[in-house]
């Protein structure tokens, strides 16, 4: 499809997050991946005690029980809280080990499930339409966003519910990039940019900003230090420097769990879908 103006702006904003090659060369691990246990904890916690506007908007769409598609599912944080009202949940993700975590949790919850390993929308033709499509904390990783969103829409019979942070989730690390590497990192894109894009695509959305309750992304300071070190492309030998930098910006052992994307307001965006015919059987 033809690019939208808002889509071009989105791609440009995401491209600015590219890490300079000379800094990336110093990385011992990928700076873009969170530890797997963070996703598992989040999914387990939300399954036990669902909360928030994204859950509420999705639950509305399942007043009559129905099927759920979770795109970029991770361990299932967006979909497993809906298990009591879901006739089936299909999870799509590129990370097979987390799909295994999802499968174990779905089986334990007693809900029928399927899983598709691959990148959306490349695998969209492998997935059947469902009553509800959910997609949480994925879109800031999607430069080619128009086909991604249109496939979300075409796979939903009732509603699509998207959740993002108000701004790019890595902006809270910007002071550390400045302190350690001496470079300025981007500030965008934002949820406002996303809604402009949806408007250009002709999708009439509703949105609500809301504060996420503290939910301890990292269980201990050491885990936060390791994640931050990886994000900053630093070798393990510079761990003490990361600790000093975190202390300098006011992050302590007591507040470590709430530093990162969990410190941002969330935005729930939802719309009634206009489904097209799709194939697949998962």
C-alpha atoms as a PDB file:
ATOM      1  CA  UNK A   1       0.000   0.000   0.000  1.00  0.00           C
ATOM      2  CA  UNK A   2       1.017   3.625  -0.387  1.00  0.00           C
ATOM      3  CA  UNK A   3       2.835   5.112   2.563  1.00  0.00           C
ATOM      4  CA  UNK A   4       1.007   7.668   4.672  1.00  0.00           C
ATOM      5  CA  UNK A   5       2.561  10.967   5.705  1.00  0.00           C
ATOM      6  CA  UNK A   6       2.186   9.959   9.348  1.00  0.00           C
ATOM      7  CA  UNK A   7       3.742   6.594   8.525  1.00  0.00           C
ATOM      8  CA  UNK A   8       6.747   8.264   6.936  1.00  0.00           C
ATOM      9  CA  UNK A   9       7.140  10.409  10.039  1.00  0.00           C
ATOM     10  CA  UNK A  10       6.869   7.282  12.210  1.00  0.00           C
ATOM     11  CA  UNK A  11       9.588   5.497  10.231  1.00  0.00           C
ATOM     12  CA  UNK A  12      11.860   8.526  10.403  1.00  0.00           C
ATOM     13  CA  UNK A  13      11.392   8.808  14.172  1.00  0.00           C
ATOM     14  CA  UNK A  14      12.158   5.110  14.734  1.00  0.00           C
ATOM     15  CA  UNK A  15      15.209   5.265  12.458  1.00  0.00           C
ATOM     16  CA  UNK A  16      16.684   7.888  14.774  1.00  0.00           C
ATOM     17  CA  UNK A  17      16.930   5.203  17.475  1.00  0.00           C
ATOM     18  CA  UNK A  18      19.638   3.404  15.506  1.00  0.00           C
ATOM     19  CA  UNK A  19      22.679   2.971  17.725  1.00  0.00           C
ATOM     20  CA  UNK A  20      25.913   4.397  16.303  1.00  0.00           C
ATOM     21  CA  UNK A  21      28.006   1.488  14.938  1.00  0.00           C
ATOM     22  CA  UNK A  22      31.048   2.353  17.034  1.00  0.00           C
ATOM     23  CA  UNK A  23      28.938   2.061  20.210  1.00  0.00           C
ATOM     24  CA  UNK A  24      27.091  -1.050  19.086  1.00  0.00           C
ATOM     25  CA  UNK A  25      30.448  -2.726  18.437  1.00  0.00           C
ATOM     26  CA  UNK A  26      31.094  -2.647  22.185  1.00  0.00           C
ATOM     27  CA  UNK A  27      27.950  -4.618  23.029  1.00  0.00           C
ATOM     28  CA  UNK A  28      28.374  -8.137  24.380  1.00  0.00           C
ATOM     29  CA  UNK A  29      24.635  -8.890  24.066  1.00  0.00           C
ATOM     30  CA  UNK A  30      21.736  -7.493  22.050  1.00  0.00           C
ATOM     31  CA  UNK A  31      20.714  -4.100  23.483  1.00  0.00           C
ATOM     32  CA  UNK A  32      17.138  -4.470  22.248  1.00  0.00           C
ATOM     33  CA  UNK A  33      15.967  -7.498  24.235  1.00  0.00           C
ATOM     34  CA  UNK A  34      14.586  -7.537  27.770  1.00  0.00           C
ATOM     35  CA  UNK A  35      15.313 -10.585  29.943  1.00  0.00           C
ATOM     36  CA  UNK A  36      12.762 -13.324  29.321  1.00  0.00           C
ATOM     37  CA  UNK A  37      11.770 -13.466  32.989  1.00  0.00           C
ATOM     38  CA  UNK A  38      10.456  -9.883  32.820  1.00  0.00           C
ATOM     39  CA  UNK A  39       7.838 -10.942  30.251  1.00  0.00           C
ATOM     40  CA  UNK A  40       6.936 -14.080  32.171  1.00  0.00           C
ATOM     41  CA  UNK A  41       6.461 -12.189  35.445  1.00  0.00           C
ATOM     42  CA  UNK A  42       4.305  -9.581  33.743  1.00  0.00           C
ATOM     43  CA  UNK A  43       2.071 -12.224  32.149  1.00  0.00           C
ATOM     44  CA  UNK A  44       1.747 -14.198  35.395  1.00  0.00           C
ATOM     45  CA  UNK A  45       0.921 -11.108  37.429  1.00  0.00           C
ATOM     46  CA  UNK A  46      -1.726  -9.826  35.023  1.00  0.00           C
ATOM     47  CA  UNK A  47      -3.294 -13.269  34.678  1.00  0.00           C
ATOM     48  CA  UNK A  48      -3.672 -13.436  38.467  1.00  0.00           C
ATOM     49  CA  UNK A  49      -4.967  -9.892  38.889  1.00  0.00           C
ATOM     50  CA  UNK A  50      -6.013  -8.171  35.640  1.00  0.00           C
ATOM     51  CA  UNK A  51      -6.171  -4.374  35.674  1.00  0.00           C
ATOM     52  CA  UNK A  52      -6.107  -1.337  33.457  1.00  0.00           C
ATOM     53  CA  UNK A  53      -7.995   0.222  30.598  1.00  0.00           C
ATOM     54  CA  UNK A  54      -6.607  -2.127  27.951  1.00  0.00           C
ATOM     55  CA  UNK A  55      -7.938  -5.107  29.863  1.00  0.00           C
ATOM     56  CA  UNK A  56     -11.284  -3.356  30.405  1.00  0.00           C
ATOM     57  CA  UNK A  57     -11.700  -2.496  26.715  1.00  0.00           C
ATOM     58  CA  UNK A  58     -10.774  -6.033  25.670  1.00  0.00           C
ATOM     59  CA  UNK A  59     -13.071  -7.565  28.281  1.00  0.00           C
ATOM     60  CA  UNK A  60     -15.957  -5.483  26.903  1.00  0.00           C
ATOM     61  CA  UNK A  61     -15.486  -7.131  23.521  1.00  0.00           C
ATOM     62  CA  UNK A  62     -15.811 -10.544  25.182  1.00  0.00           C
ATOM     63  CA  UNK A  63     -19.118  -9.946  26.976  1.00  0.00           C
ATOM     64  CA  UNK A  64     -20.097 -12.823  24.745  1.00  0.00           C
ATOM     65  CA  UNK A  65     -17.183 -15.269  24.926  1.00  0.00           C
ATOM     66  CA  UNK A  66     -15.029 -15.302  21.823  1.00  0.00           C
ATOM     67  CA  UNK A  67     -11.656 -15.999  20.288  1.00  0.00           C
ATOM     68  CA  UNK A  68      -8.559 -13.839  20.843  1.00  0.00           C
ATOM     69  CA  UNK A  69      -5.480 -13.141  18.727  1.00  0.00           C
ATOM     70  CA  UNK A  70      -2.448 -11.761  20.598  1.00  0.00           C
ATOM     71  CA  UNK A  71       0.108 -10.228  18.196  1.00  0.00           C
ATOM     72  CA  UNK A  72       3.591  -9.800  19.631  1.00  0.00           C
ATOM     73  CA  UNK A  73       2.329 -11.880  22.516  1.00  0.00           C
ATOM     74  CA  UNK A  74       5.518 -12.463  24.453  1.00  0.00           C
ATOM     75  CA  UNK A  75       4.464 -14.688  27.357  1.00  0.00           C
ATOM     76  CA  UNK A  76       0.799 -13.673  26.996  1.00  0.00           C
ATOM     77  CA  UNK A  77       0.382 -10.602  29.206  1.00  0.00           C
ATOM     78  CA  UNK A  78      -2.302  -9.093  26.949  1.00  0.00           C
ATOM     79  CA  UNK A  79      -4.320 -12.248  26.348  1.00  0.00           C
ATOM     80  CA  UNK A  80      -4.021 -14.615  29.335  1.00  0.00           C
ATOM     81  CA  UNK A  81      -6.020 -12.287  31.642  1.00  0.00           C
ATOM     82  CA  UNK A  82      -8.901 -12.832  29.186  1.00  0.00           C
ATOM     83  CA  UNK A  83      -8.764 -16.625  29.439  1.00  0.00           C
ATOM     84  CA  UNK A  84     -11.999 -16.937  31.464  1.00  0.00           C
ATOM     85  CA  UNK A  85     -13.931 -15.332  28.565  1.00  0.00           C
ATOM     86  CA  UNK A  86     -11.850 -16.666  25.669  1.00  0.00           C
ATOM     87  CA  UNK A  87     -12.976 -19.660  23.634  1.00  0.00           C
ATOM     88  CA  UNK A  88      -9.472 -19.836  22.159  1.00  0.00           C
ATOM     89  CA  UNK A  89      -6.287 -17.738  22.212  1.00  0.00           C
ATOM     90  CA  UNK A  90      -3.773 -17.635  19.383  1.00  0.00           C
ATOM     91  CA  UNK A  91      -0.380 -16.088  20.187  1.00  0.00           C
ATOM     92  CA  UNK A  92       1.971 -14.743  17.513  1.00  0.00           C
ATOM     93  CA  UNK A  93       5.577 -13.888  18.341  1.00  0.00           C
ATOM     94  CA  UNK A  94       9.068 -14.143  16.883  1.00  0.00           C
ATOM     95  CA  UNK A  95      10.530 -15.570  20.105  1.00  0.00           C
ATOM     96  CA  UNK A  96       9.827 -19.294  20.322  1.00  0.00           C
ATOM     97  CA  UNK A  97      10.874 -19.731  23.989  1.00  0.00           C
ATOM     98  CA  UNK A  98       8.308 -17.138  25.085  1.00  0.00           C
ATOM     99  CA  UNK A  99       5.644 -18.839  22.980  1.00  0.00           C
ATOM    100  CA  UNK A 100       6.476 -21.945  25.000  1.00  0.00           C
ATOM    101  CA  UNK A 101       5.980 -19.923  28.205  1.00  0.00           C
ATOM    102  CA  UNK A 102       2.622 -18.749  26.836  1.00  0.00           C
ATOM    103  CA  UNK A 103       1.604 -22.299  25.930  1.00  0.00           C
ATOM    104  CA  UNK A 104       2.362 -23.627  29.424  1.00  0.00           C
ATOM    105  CA  UNK A 105       0.367 -20.819  31.039  1.00  0.00           C
ATOM    106  CA  UNK A 106      -2.560 -21.205  28.635  1.00  0.00           C
ATOM    107  CA  UNK A 107      -2.692 -24.950  29.261  1.00  0.00           C
ATOM    108  CA  UNK A 108      -2.645 -24.339  33.005  1.00  0.00           C
ATOM    109  CA  UNK A 109      -5.510 -21.856  32.603  1.00  0.00           C
ATOM    110  CA  UNK A 110      -7.546 -24.481  30.769  1.00  0.00           C
ATOM    111  CA  UNK A 111      -8.082 -22.389  27.617  1.00  0.00           C
ATOM    112  CA  UNK A 112      -7.769 -23.702  24.076  1.00  0.00           C
ATOM    113  CA  UNK A 113      -4.777 -22.118  22.373  1.00  0.00           C
ATOM    114  CA  UNK A 114      -2.590 -21.980  19.299  1.00  0.00           C
ATOM    115  CA  UNK A 115       0.753 -20.340  18.598  1.00  0.00           C
ATOM    116  CA  UNK A 116       2.456 -19.069  15.465  1.00  0.00           C
ATOM    117  CA  UNK A 117       6.168 -18.350  15.413  1.00  0.00           C
ATOM    118  CA  UNK A 118       7.018 -15.489  13.083  1.00  0.00           C
ATOM    119  CA  UNK A 119       6.870 -11.787  12.391  1.00  0.00           C
ATOM    120  CA  UNK A 120       3.574  -9.987  11.894  1.00  0.00           C
ATOM    121  CA  UNK A 121       2.291  -9.289   9.249  1.00  0.00           C
ATOM    122  CA  UNK A 122       4.517 -11.828   7.424  1.00  0.00           C
ATOM    123  CA  UNK A 123       2.633 -14.708   9.089  1.00  0.00           C
ATOM    124  CA  UNK A 124      -0.812 -13.080   8.962  1.00  0.00           C
ATOM    125  CA  UNK A 125      -2.028 -15.505   6.294  1.00  0.00           C
ATOM    126  CA  UNK A 126      -1.375 -18.370   8.720  1.00  0.00           C
ATOM    127  CA  UNK A 127      -3.846 -16.969  11.246  1.00  0.00           C
ATOM    128  CA  UNK A 128      -7.639 -17.059  11.150  1.00  0.00           C
ATOM    129  CA  UNK A 129      -9.849 -14.107  11.976  1.00  0.00           C
ATOM    130  CA  UNK A 130     -10.791 -13.846  15.659  1.00  0.00           C
ATOM    131  CA  UNK A 131     -13.363 -11.917  17.622  1.00  0.00           C
ATOM    132  CA  UNK A 132     -10.770  -9.788  19.407  1.00  0.00           C
ATOM    133  CA  UNK A 133      -7.225  -8.772  18.461  1.00  0.00           C
ATOM    134  CA  UNK A 134      -4.858  -7.422  21.135  1.00  0.00           C
ATOM    135  CA  UNK A 135      -1.389  -5.987  20.592  1.00  0.00           C
ATOM    136  CA  UNK A 136       0.513  -4.595  23.577  1.00  0.00           C
ATOM    137  CA  UNK A 137       3.890  -2.825  23.579  1.00  0.00           C
ATOM    138  CA  UNK A 138       4.858  -3.815  20.052  1.00  0.00           C
ATOM    139  CA  UNK A 139       4.283  -0.870  17.722  1.00  0.00           C
ATOM    140  CA  UNK A 140       7.368   1.115  18.732  1.00  0.00           C
ATOM    141  CA  UNK A 141       9.312  -1.787  17.196  1.00  0.00           C
ATOM    142  CA  UNK A 142       7.477  -1.600  13.845  1.00  0.00           C
ATOM    143  CA  UNK A 143       8.823   0.798  11.200  1.00  0.00           C
ATOM    144  CA  UNK A 144       6.584  -0.458   8.382  1.00  0.00           C
ATOM    145  CA  UNK A 145       3.511   0.191  10.404  1.00  0.00           C
ATOM    146  CA  UNK A 146       0.662   0.606   7.903  1.00  0.00           C
ATOM    147  CA  UNK A 147       0.437  -3.052   6.752  1.00  0.00           C
ATOM    148  CA  UNK A 148       0.971  -4.195  10.337  1.00  0.00           C
ATOM    149  CA  UNK A 149      -2.073  -2.249  11.551  1.00  0.00           C
ATOM    150  CA  UNK A 150      -4.257  -3.085   8.569  1.00  0.00           C
ATOM    151  CA  UNK A 151      -3.662  -6.797   9.173  1.00  0.00           C
ATOM    152  CA  UNK A 152      -4.582  -6.361  12.838  1.00  0.00           C
ATOM    153  CA  UNK A 153      -7.814  -4.756  11.679  1.00  0.00           C
ATOM    154  CA  UNK A 154      -8.617  -7.356   9.030  1.00  0.00           C
ATOM    155  CA  UNK A 155      -8.183 -10.214  11.511  1.00  0.00           C
ATOM    156  CA  UNK A 156     -10.712  -8.865  14.034  1.00  0.00           C
ATOM    157  CA  UNK A 157     -14.443  -9.462  13.927  1.00  0.00           C
ATOM    158  CA  UNK A 158     -15.330  -7.275  16.917  1.00  0.00           C
ATOM    159  CA  UNK A 159     -12.525  -5.060  18.188  1.00  0.00           C
ATOM    160  CA  UNK A 160      -8.805  -4.285  18.127  1.00  0.00           C
ATOM    161  CA  UNK A 161      -7.139  -3.136  21.360  1.00  0.00           C
ATOM    162  CA  UNK A 162      -3.621  -1.689  21.238  1.00  0.00           C
ATOM    163  CA  UNK A 163      -1.551  -0.606  24.233  1.00  0.00           C
ATOM    164  CA  UNK A 164       1.562   1.580  24.081  1.00  0.00           C
ATOM    165  CA  UNK A 165       3.511   3.809  26.414  1.00  0.00           C
ATOM    166  CA  UNK A 166       2.850   7.512  25.948  1.00  0.00           C
ATOM    167  CA  UNK A 167       6.305   7.940  24.442  1.00  0.00           C
ATOM    168  CA  UNK A 168       8.922   5.538  23.159  1.00  0.00           C
ATOM    169  CA  UNK A 169       9.696   3.215  26.094  1.00  0.00           C
ATOM    170  CA  UNK A 170      13.449   3.859  26.042  1.00  0.00           C
ATOM    171  CA  UNK A 171      13.315   7.639  26.553  1.00  0.00           C
ATOM    172  CA  UNK A 172      13.991   7.257  30.286  1.00  0.00           C
ATOM    173  CA  UNK A 173      17.464   6.000  29.452  1.00  0.00           C
ATOM    174  CA  UNK A 174      18.326   9.172  27.526  1.00  0.00           C
ATOM    175  CA  UNK A 175      20.142  10.848  30.466  1.00  0.00           C
ATOM    176  CA  UNK A 176      22.334   7.763  30.810  1.00  0.00           C
ATOM    177  CA  UNK A 177      23.221   7.784  27.119  1.00  0.00           C
ATOM    178  CA  UNK A 178      24.233  11.418  27.489  1.00  0.00           C
ATOM    179  CA  UNK A 179      26.265  10.773  30.644  1.00  0.00           C
ATOM    180  CA  UNK A 180      28.078   7.647  29.445  1.00  0.00           C
ATOM    181  CA  UNK A 181      28.310   8.029  25.669  1.00  0.00           C
ATOM    182  CA  UNK A 182      27.909  11.793  25.320  1.00  0.00           C
ATOM    183  CA  UNK A 183      25.131  11.555  22.736  1.00  0.00           C
ATOM    184  CA  UNK A 184      21.540  12.751  22.617  1.00  0.00           C
ATOM    185  CA  UNK A 185      18.918  10.107  21.971  1.00  0.00           C
ATOM    186  CA  UNK A 186      15.518  10.681  20.309  1.00  0.00           C
ATOM    187  CA  UNK A 187      12.293  11.604  22.072  1.00  0.00           C
ATOM    188  CA  UNK A 188       9.783  10.159  19.612  1.00  0.00           C
ATOM    189  CA  UNK A 189       7.608   8.763  18.275  1.00  0.00           C
ATOM    190  CA  UNK A 190       4.638   8.995  20.612  1.00  0.00           C
ATOM    191  CA  UNK A 191       1.108   7.709  21.059  1.00  0.00           C
ATOM    192  CA  UNK A 192      -0.109  10.975  19.547  1.00  0.00           C
ATOM    193  CA  UNK A 193       1.872  10.166  16.400  1.00  0.00           C
ATOM    194  CA  UNK A 194       0.308   6.711  16.344  1.00  0.00           C
ATOM    195  CA  UNK A 195      -3.194   8.128  16.515  1.00  0.00           C
ATOM    196  CA  UNK A 196      -2.401  10.518  13.647  1.00  0.00           C
ATOM    197  CA  UNK A 197      -1.349   7.507  11.617  1.00  0.00           C
ATOM    198  CA  UNK A 198      -4.542   5.611  12.398  1.00  0.00           C
ATOM    199  CA  UNK A 199      -6.537   8.650  11.354  1.00  0.00           C
ATOM    200  CA  UNK A 200      -4.735   8.766   8.002  1.00  0.00           C
ATOM    201  CA  UNK A 201      -5.542   5.087   7.517  1.00  0.00           C
ATOM    202  CA  UNK A 202      -9.228   5.934   7.961  1.00  0.00           C
ATOM    203  CA  UNK A 203      -9.575   4.014  11.232  1.00  0.00           C
ATOM    204  CA  UNK A 204     -11.839   5.731  13.748  1.00  0.00           C
ATOM    205  CA  UNK A 205     -10.308   5.081  17.147  1.00  0.00           C
ATOM    206  CA  UNK A 206     -10.974   5.841  20.764  1.00  0.00           C
ATOM    207  CA  UNK A 207      -8.103   6.351  23.185  1.00  0.00           C
ATOM    208  CA  UNK A 208      -7.507   6.737  26.878  1.00  0.00           C
ATOM    209  CA  UNK A 209      -4.348   7.688  28.757  1.00  0.00           C
ATOM    210  CA  UNK A 210      -3.952   6.172  32.199  1.00  0.00           C
ATOM    211  CA  UNK A 211      -1.238   5.757  34.828  1.00  0.00           C
ATOM    212  CA  UNK A 212       0.112   2.265  35.143  1.00  0.00           C
ATOM    213  CA  UNK A 213       0.202   1.185  38.796  1.00  0.00           C
ATOM    214  CA  UNK A 214       3.687   0.291  40.044  1.00  0.00           C
ATOM    215  CA  UNK A 215       4.294  -3.289  38.992  1.00  0.00           C
ATOM    216  CA  UNK A 216       8.033  -3.786  39.498  1.00  0.00           C
ATOM    217  CA  UNK A 217       9.449  -4.535  36.076  1.00  0.00           C
ATOM    218  CA  UNK A 218      12.685  -5.661  37.742  1.00  0.00           C
ATOM    219  CA  UNK A 219      12.616  -7.635  40.985  1.00  0.00           C
ATOM    220  CA  UNK A 220      15.995  -6.452  42.183  1.00  0.00           C
ATOM    221  CA  UNK A 221      18.537  -3.744  41.548  1.00  0.00           C
ATOM    222  CA  UNK A 222      21.050  -6.181  40.081  1.00  0.00           C
ATOM    223  CA  UNK A 223      18.601  -7.230  37.375  1.00  0.00           C
ATOM    224  CA  UNK A 224      17.958  -3.588  36.470  1.00  0.00           C
ATOM    225  CA  UNK A 225      21.702  -2.925  36.314  1.00  0.00           C
ATOM    226  CA  UNK A 226      22.238  -5.828  33.919  1.00  0.00           C
ATOM    227  CA  UNK A 227      19.353  -4.751  31.673  1.00  0.00           C
ATOM    228  CA  UNK A 228      20.554  -1.148  31.636  1.00  0.00           C
ATOM    229  CA  UNK A 229      24.119  -2.198  30.884  1.00  0.00           C
ATOM    230  CA  UNK A 230      22.893  -4.177  27.881  1.00  0.00           C
ATOM    231  CA  UNK A 231      20.691  -1.312  26.700  1.00  0.00           C
ATOM    232  CA  UNK A 232      23.709   0.999  26.804  1.00  0.00           C
ATOM    233  CA  UNK A 233      25.893  -1.470  24.852  1.00  0.00           C
ATOM    234  CA  UNK A 234      28.411  -1.685  27.681  1.00  0.00           C
ATOM    235  CA  UNK A 235      30.535  -4.718  28.535  1.00  0.00           C
ATOM    236  CA  UNK A 236      30.211  -6.401  31.921  1.00  0.00           C
ATOM    237  CA  UNK A 237      33.492  -4.809  32.984  1.00  0.00           C
ATOM    238  CA  UNK A 238      31.705  -1.432  33.133  1.00  0.00           C
ATOM    239  CA  UNK A 239      28.924  -2.576  35.496  1.00  0.00           C
ATOM    240  CA  UNK A 240      30.132  -0.313  38.303  1.00  0.00           C
ATOM    241  CA  UNK A 241      29.808   2.669  35.968  1.00  0.00           C
ATOM    242  CA  UNK A 242      26.192   1.766  35.283  1.00  0.00           C
ATOM    243  CA  UNK A 243      25.465   1.509  39.015  1.00  0.00           C
ATOM    244  CA  UNK A 244      26.977   4.948  39.595  1.00  0.00           C
ATOM    245  CA  UNK A 245      24.980   6.437  36.713  1.00  0.00           C
ATOM    246  CA  UNK A 246      21.710   5.008  38.024  1.00  0.00           C
ATOM    247  CA  UNK A 247      22.397   6.344  41.499  1.00  0.00           C
ATOM    248  CA  UNK A 248      23.196   9.734  39.992  1.00  0.00           C
ATOM    249  CA  UNK A 249      19.733  10.015  38.426  1.00  0.00           C
ATOM    250  CA  UNK A 250      18.031   8.906  41.625  1.00  0.00           C
ATOM    251  CA  UNK A 251      17.483   5.192  41.037  1.00  0.00           C
ATOM    252  CA  UNK A 252      18.166   3.140  44.150  1.00  0.00           C
ATOM    253  CA  UNK A 253      17.795  -0.440  45.305  1.00  0.00           C
ATOM    254  CA  UNK A 254      14.362   0.514  46.666  1.00  0.00           C
ATOM    255  CA  UNK A 255      13.089   2.088  43.415  1.00  0.00           C
ATOM    256  CA  UNK A 256      14.770  -0.191  40.867  1.00  0.00           C
ATOM    257  CA  UNK A 257      11.596  -2.100  40.034  1.00  0.00           C
ATOM    258  CA  UNK A 258       9.811   0.994  38.808  1.00  0.00           C
ATOM    259  CA  UNK A 259      12.490   2.459  36.547  1.00  0.00           C
ATOM    260  CA  UNK A 260      12.013   2.028  32.817  1.00  0.00           C
ATOM    261  CA  UNK A 261       8.874   1.859  30.706  1.00  0.00           C
ATOM    262  CA  UNK A 262       6.816   1.100  33.823  1.00  0.00           C
ATOM    263  CA  UNK A 263       7.337   4.723  34.877  1.00  0.00           C
ATOM    264  CA  UNK A 264       5.387   6.053  31.897  1.00  0.00           C
ATOM    265  CA  UNK A 265       1.670   6.577  31.462  1.00  0.00           C
ATOM    266  CA  UNK A 266       0.011   4.061  29.179  1.00  0.00           C
ATOM    267  CA  UNK A 267      -2.311   4.729  26.268  1.00  0.00           C
ATOM    268  CA  UNK A 268      -5.054   2.304  25.303  1.00  0.00           C
ATOM    269  CA  UNK A 269      -6.282   2.681  21.719  1.00  0.00           C
ATOM    270  CA  UNK A 270      -9.216   0.662  20.472  1.00  0.00           C
ATOM    271  CA  UNK A 271     -11.561   0.505  17.504  1.00  0.00           C
ATOM    272  CA  UNK A 272     -14.371  -1.546  16.038  1.00  0.00           C
ATOM    273  CA  UNK A 273     -12.918  -3.715  13.315  1.00  0.00           C
ATOM    274  CA  UNK A 274     -13.764  -3.959   9.639  1.00  0.00           C
ATOM    275  CA  UNK A 275     -12.642  -7.519   8.954  1.00  0.00           C
ATOM    276  CA  UNK A 276     -11.628  -8.892   5.597  1.00  0.00           C
ATOM    277  CA  UNK A 277     -11.525 -12.561   4.678  1.00  0.00           C
ATOM    278  CA  UNK A 278      -8.374 -14.254   5.945  1.00  0.00           C
ATOM    279  CA  UNK A 279      -7.137 -17.800   5.924  1.00  0.00           C
ATOM    280  CA  UNK A 280      -5.264 -20.031   8.319  1.00  0.00           C
ATOM    281  CA  UNK A 281      -6.281 -22.389  11.072  1.00  0.00           C
ATOM    282  CA  UNK A 282      -4.300 -21.532  14.211  1.00  0.00           C
END
